[in-house]
Amino acid sequence: MPEIKHEIKKHIGILSENSKGWKKEVNYVSWNERTPKVEIREWSEDYERVGKGLTFTNEEVERLRDIFGAIDVKKLVKA
């Protein structure tokens, strides 16, 4: 089985951390030397192990920004 390589080009932010030290992060990541994309996924403390995640193109990130910007969280929670 071929080795899967990753390179975190930029750490964008940490969303949360669980009791085992894994962090759910937003990062700009290149897999197997391909074009980097924005990802949300869980990473082990040493960044060697990863959980399942979501990957977004730049256009999708812009769309998500617009969608999240339109959410009124206080009203959403009361719904």
N, C-alpha and C. Protein backbone atom coordinates (compact mmCIF):
# COMPACT_ATOMS: atom_id res chain seq x y z
N MET A 1 0.86 -1.18 0.00
CA MET A 1 0.00 0.00 0.00
C MET A 1 0.89 1.24 0.00
N PRO A 2 0.68 2.15 -0.94
CA PRO A 2 1.51 3.35 -1.01
C PRO A 2 1.30 4.26 0.20
N GLU A 3 2.36 4.94 0.58
CA GLU A 3 2.29 5.87 1.70
C GLU A 3 1.51 7.12 1.30
N ILE A 4 0.65 7.56 2.19
CA ILE A 4 -0.10 8.79 1.96
C ILE A 4 0.60 9.90 2.72
N LYS A 5 1.00 10.94 2.00
CA LYS A 5 1.74 12.04 2.61
C LYS A 5 0.83 13.26 2.72
N HIS A 6 1.03 14.00 3.81
CA HIS A 6 0.30 15.25 3.96
C HIS A 6 1.26 16.33 4.42
N GLU A 7 0.92 17.55 4.03
CA GLU A 7 1.69 18.71 4.49
C GLU A 7 0.70 19.82 4.83
N ILE A 8 0.71 20.23 6.09
CA ILE A 8 -0.13 21.34 6.49
C ILE A 8 0.58 22.62 6.08
N LYS A 9 0.03 23.29 5.08
CA LYS A 9 0.63 24.51 4.56
C LYS A 9 0.38 25.70 5.48
N LYS A 10 -0.81 25.70 6.12
CA LYS A 10 -1.14 26.79 7.03
C LYS A 10 -2.16 26.31 8.05
N HIS A 11 -1.86 26.56 9.33
CA HIS A 11 -2.83 26.31 10.40
C HIS A 11 -3.75 27.53 10.45
N ILE A 12 -5.04 27.30 10.31
CA ILE A 12 -6.00 28.41 10.29
C ILE A 12 -6.63 28.60 11.66
N GLY A 13 -7.03 27.51 12.31
CA GLY A 13 -7.62 27.66 13.64
C GLY A 13 -8.02 26.32 14.24
N ILE A 14 -8.16 26.32 15.57
CA ILE A 14 -8.59 25.14 16.32
C ILE A 14 -10.04 25.36 16.73
N LEU A 15 -10.89 24.39 16.41
CA LEU A 15 -12.30 24.48 16.78
C LEU A 15 -12.57 23.88 18.16
N SER A 16 -11.90 22.75 18.46
CA SER A 16 -12.10 22.10 19.75
C SER A 16 -10.99 21.08 19.98
N GLU A 17 -10.93 20.59 21.23
CA GLU A 17 -9.97 19.55 21.59
C GLU A 17 -10.69 18.55 22.48
N ASN A 18 -10.50 17.25 22.21
CA ASN A 18 -11.17 16.25 23.04
C ASN A 18 -10.27 15.80 24.19
N SER A 19 -10.79 14.92 25.04
CA SER A 19 -10.07 14.50 26.23
C SER A 19 -8.81 13.68 25.91
N LYS A 20 -8.71 13.15 24.70
CA LYS A 20 -7.53 12.37 24.30
C LYS A 20 -6.47 13.23 23.62
N GLY A 21 -6.72 14.53 23.52
CA GLY A 21 -5.74 15.44 22.93
C GLY A 21 -5.90 15.68 21.45
N TRP A 22 -6.86 15.00 20.81
CA TRP A 22 -7.11 15.23 19.39
C TRP A 22 -7.78 16.58 19.23
N LYS A 23 -7.37 17.33 18.21
CA LYS A 23 -7.92 18.66 17.96
C LYS A 23 -8.67 18.68 16.64
N LYS A 24 -9.84 19.28 16.66
CA LYS A 24 -10.59 19.52 15.43
C LYS A 24 -10.11 20.87 14.92
N GLU A 25 -9.51 20.87 13.74
CA GLU A 25 -8.86 22.07 13.23
C GLU A 25 -9.31 22.42 11.82
N VAL A 26 -9.12 23.68 11.50
CA VAL A 26 -9.28 24.17 10.13
C VAL A 26 -7.86 24.45 9.65
N ASN A 27 -7.45 23.77 8.57
CA ASN A 27 -6.10 23.92 8.04
C ASN A 27 -6.13 23.95 6.52
N TYR A 28 -5.04 24.43 5.95
CA TYR A 28 -4.82 24.42 4.50
C TYR A 28 -3.82 23.29 4.26
N VAL A 29 -4.28 22.19 3.64
CA VAL A 29 -3.50 20.95 3.59
C VAL A 29 -3.33 20.45 2.16
N SER A 30 -2.12 19.95 1.89
CA SER A 30 -1.82 19.27 0.63
C SER A 30 -1.64 17.79 0.91
N TRP A 31 -2.36 16.96 0.17
CA TRP A 31 -2.22 15.50 0.28
C TRP A 31 -1.51 14.98 -0.96
N ASN A 32 -0.48 14.19 -0.75
CA ASN A 32 0.31 13.59 -1.84
C ASN A 32 0.75 14.64 -2.86
N GLU A 33 1.19 15.78 -2.35
CA GLU A 33 1.75 16.87 -3.15
C GLU A 33 0.76 17.46 -4.15
N ARG A 34 -0.52 17.30 -3.88
CA ARG A 34 -1.55 17.90 -4.73
C ARG A 34 -1.84 19.32 -4.27
N THR A 35 -2.67 20.01 -5.02
CA THR A 35 -3.06 21.38 -4.68
C THR A 35 -3.69 21.40 -3.29
N PRO A 36 -3.21 22.28 -2.41
CA PRO A 36 -3.80 22.34 -1.06
C PRO A 36 -5.24 22.82 -1.08
N LYS A 37 -5.99 22.35 -0.08
CA LYS A 37 -7.38 22.76 0.09
C LYS A 37 -7.63 23.02 1.57
N VAL A 38 -8.68 23.77 1.86
CA VAL A 38 -9.07 24.02 3.24
C VAL A 38 -9.80 22.77 3.75
N GLU A 39 -9.42 22.35 4.95
CA GLU A 39 -10.02 21.16 5.54
C GLU A 39 -10.45 21.42 6.98
N ILE A 40 -11.49 20.70 7.38
CA ILE A 40 -11.86 20.61 8.79
C ILE A 40 -11.78 19.13 9.12
N ARG A 41 -10.89 18.79 10.06
CA ARG A 41 -10.74 17.39 10.48
C ARG A 41 -10.05 17.33 11.82
N GLU A 42 -10.10 16.15 12.45
CA GLU A 42 -9.43 15.94 13.72
C GLU A 42 -8.02 15.41 13.47
N TRP A 43 -7.08 15.91 14.28
CA TRP A 43 -5.68 15.53 14.19
C TRP A 43 -5.19 15.06 15.56
N SER A 44 -4.33 14.03 15.56
CA SER A 44 -3.69 13.61 16.80
C SER A 44 -2.70 14.70 17.23
N GLU A 45 -2.22 14.59 18.47
CA GLU A 45 -1.30 15.60 19.00
C GLU A 45 -0.05 15.77 18.14
N ASP A 46 0.46 14.67 17.57
CA ASP A 46 1.68 14.72 16.77
C ASP A 46 1.43 14.92 15.27
N TYR A 47 0.18 15.07 14.89
CA TYR A 47 -0.24 15.28 13.49
C TYR A 47 0.10 14.10 12.58
N GLU A 48 0.34 12.93 13.17
CA GLU A 48 0.63 11.74 12.36
C GLU A 48 -0.65 10.97 12.03
N ARG A 49 -1.65 11.04 12.90
CA ARG A 49 -2.91 10.34 12.66
C ARG A 49 -4.01 11.38 12.45
N VAL A 50 -4.95 11.03 11.58
CA VAL A 50 -6.03 11.97 11.26
C VAL A 50 -7.36 11.26 11.30
N GLY A 51 -8.40 12.03 11.58
CA GLY A 51 -9.76 11.52 11.52
C GLY A 51 -10.38 11.89 10.17
N LYS A 52 -11.59 11.44 9.98
CA LYS A 52 -12.31 11.82 8.76
C LYS A 52 -12.55 13.31 8.78
N GLY A 53 -12.59 13.89 7.60
CA GLY A 53 -12.76 15.32 7.55
C GLY A 53 -13.54 15.77 6.33
N LEU A 54 -13.69 17.07 6.26
CA LEU A 54 -14.34 17.72 5.12
C LEU A 54 -13.32 18.59 4.43
N THR A 55 -13.30 18.55 3.10
CA THR A 55 -12.35 19.30 2.30
C THR A 55 -13.12 20.27 1.41
N PHE A 56 -12.60 21.50 1.31
CA PHE A 56 -13.30 22.54 0.56
C PHE A 56 -12.38 23.25 -0.42
N THR A 57 -12.90 23.55 -1.60
CA THR A 57 -12.18 24.39 -2.54
C THR A 57 -12.26 25.84 -2.05
N ASN A 58 -11.48 26.71 -2.63
CA ASN A 58 -11.53 28.13 -2.26
C ASN A 58 -12.93 28.70 -2.49
N GLU A 59 -13.56 28.31 -3.59
CA GLU A 59 -14.90 28.80 -3.89
C GLU A 59 -15.91 28.32 -2.84
N GLU A 60 -15.77 27.07 -2.41
CA GLU A 60 -16.67 26.55 -1.38
C GLU A 60 -16.47 27.27 -0.05
N VAL A 61 -15.23 27.61 0.28
CA VAL A 61 -14.95 28.36 1.51
C VAL A 61 -15.62 29.73 1.46
N GLU A 62 -15.54 30.38 0.31
CA GLU A 62 -16.21 31.68 0.17
C GLU A 62 -17.72 31.54 0.34
N ARG A 63 -18.28 30.50 -0.21
CA ARG A 63 -19.72 30.28 -0.09
C ARG A 63 -20.09 29.98 1.35
N LEU A 64 -19.29 29.15 2.03
CA LEU A 64 -19.54 28.86 3.44
C LEU A 64 -19.46 30.12 4.29
N ARG A 65 -18.51 30.99 3.98
CA ARG A 65 -18.39 32.26 4.70
C ARG A 65 -19.69 33.05 4.58
N ASP A 66 -20.24 33.11 3.37
CA ASP A 66 -21.49 33.83 3.15
C ASP A 66 -22.65 33.18 3.90
N ILE A 67 -22.72 31.86 3.86
CA ILE A 67 -23.79 31.14 4.55
C ILE A 67 -23.69 31.33 6.05
N PHE A 68 -22.49 31.11 6.61
CA PHE A 68 -22.32 31.25 8.06
C PHE A 68 -22.50 32.69 8.51
N GLY A 69 -22.12 33.63 7.66
CA GLY A 69 -22.29 35.04 8.01
C GLY A 69 -23.74 35.44 8.11
N ALA A 70 -24.61 34.71 7.44
CA ALA A 70 -26.04 35.03 7.46
C ALA A 70 -26.79 34.34 8.60
N ILE A 71 -26.12 33.48 9.34
CA ILE A 71 -26.78 32.75 10.42
C ILE A 71 -26.81 33.60 11.68
N ASP A 72 -27.99 33.73 12.27
CA ASP A 72 -28.14 34.35 13.58
C ASP A 72 -28.19 33.21 14.59
N VAL A 73 -27.06 32.92 15.23
CA VAL A 73 -26.94 31.76 16.11
C VAL A 73 -27.94 31.82 17.27
N LYS A 74 -28.18 33.02 17.81
CA LYS A 74 -29.14 33.14 18.93
C LYS A 74 -30.54 32.72 18.51
N LYS A 75 -30.95 33.08 17.31
CA LYS A 75 -32.27 32.67 16.82
C LYS A 75 -32.27 31.18 16.48
N LEU A 76 -31.17 30.66 15.99
CA LEU A 76 -31.06 29.26 15.61
C LEU A 76 -31.21 28.37 16.85
N VAL A 77 -30.58 28.75 17.93
CA VAL A 77 -30.64 27.97 19.16
C VAL A 77 -32.04 27.95 19.74
N LYS A 78 -32.78 29.03 19.59
CA LYS A 78 -34.14 29.10 20.13
C LYS A 78 -35.14 28.34 19.28
N ALA A 79 -34.76 27.99 18.07
CA ALA A 79 -35.70 27.34 17.14
C ALA A 79 -36.03 25.93 17.58
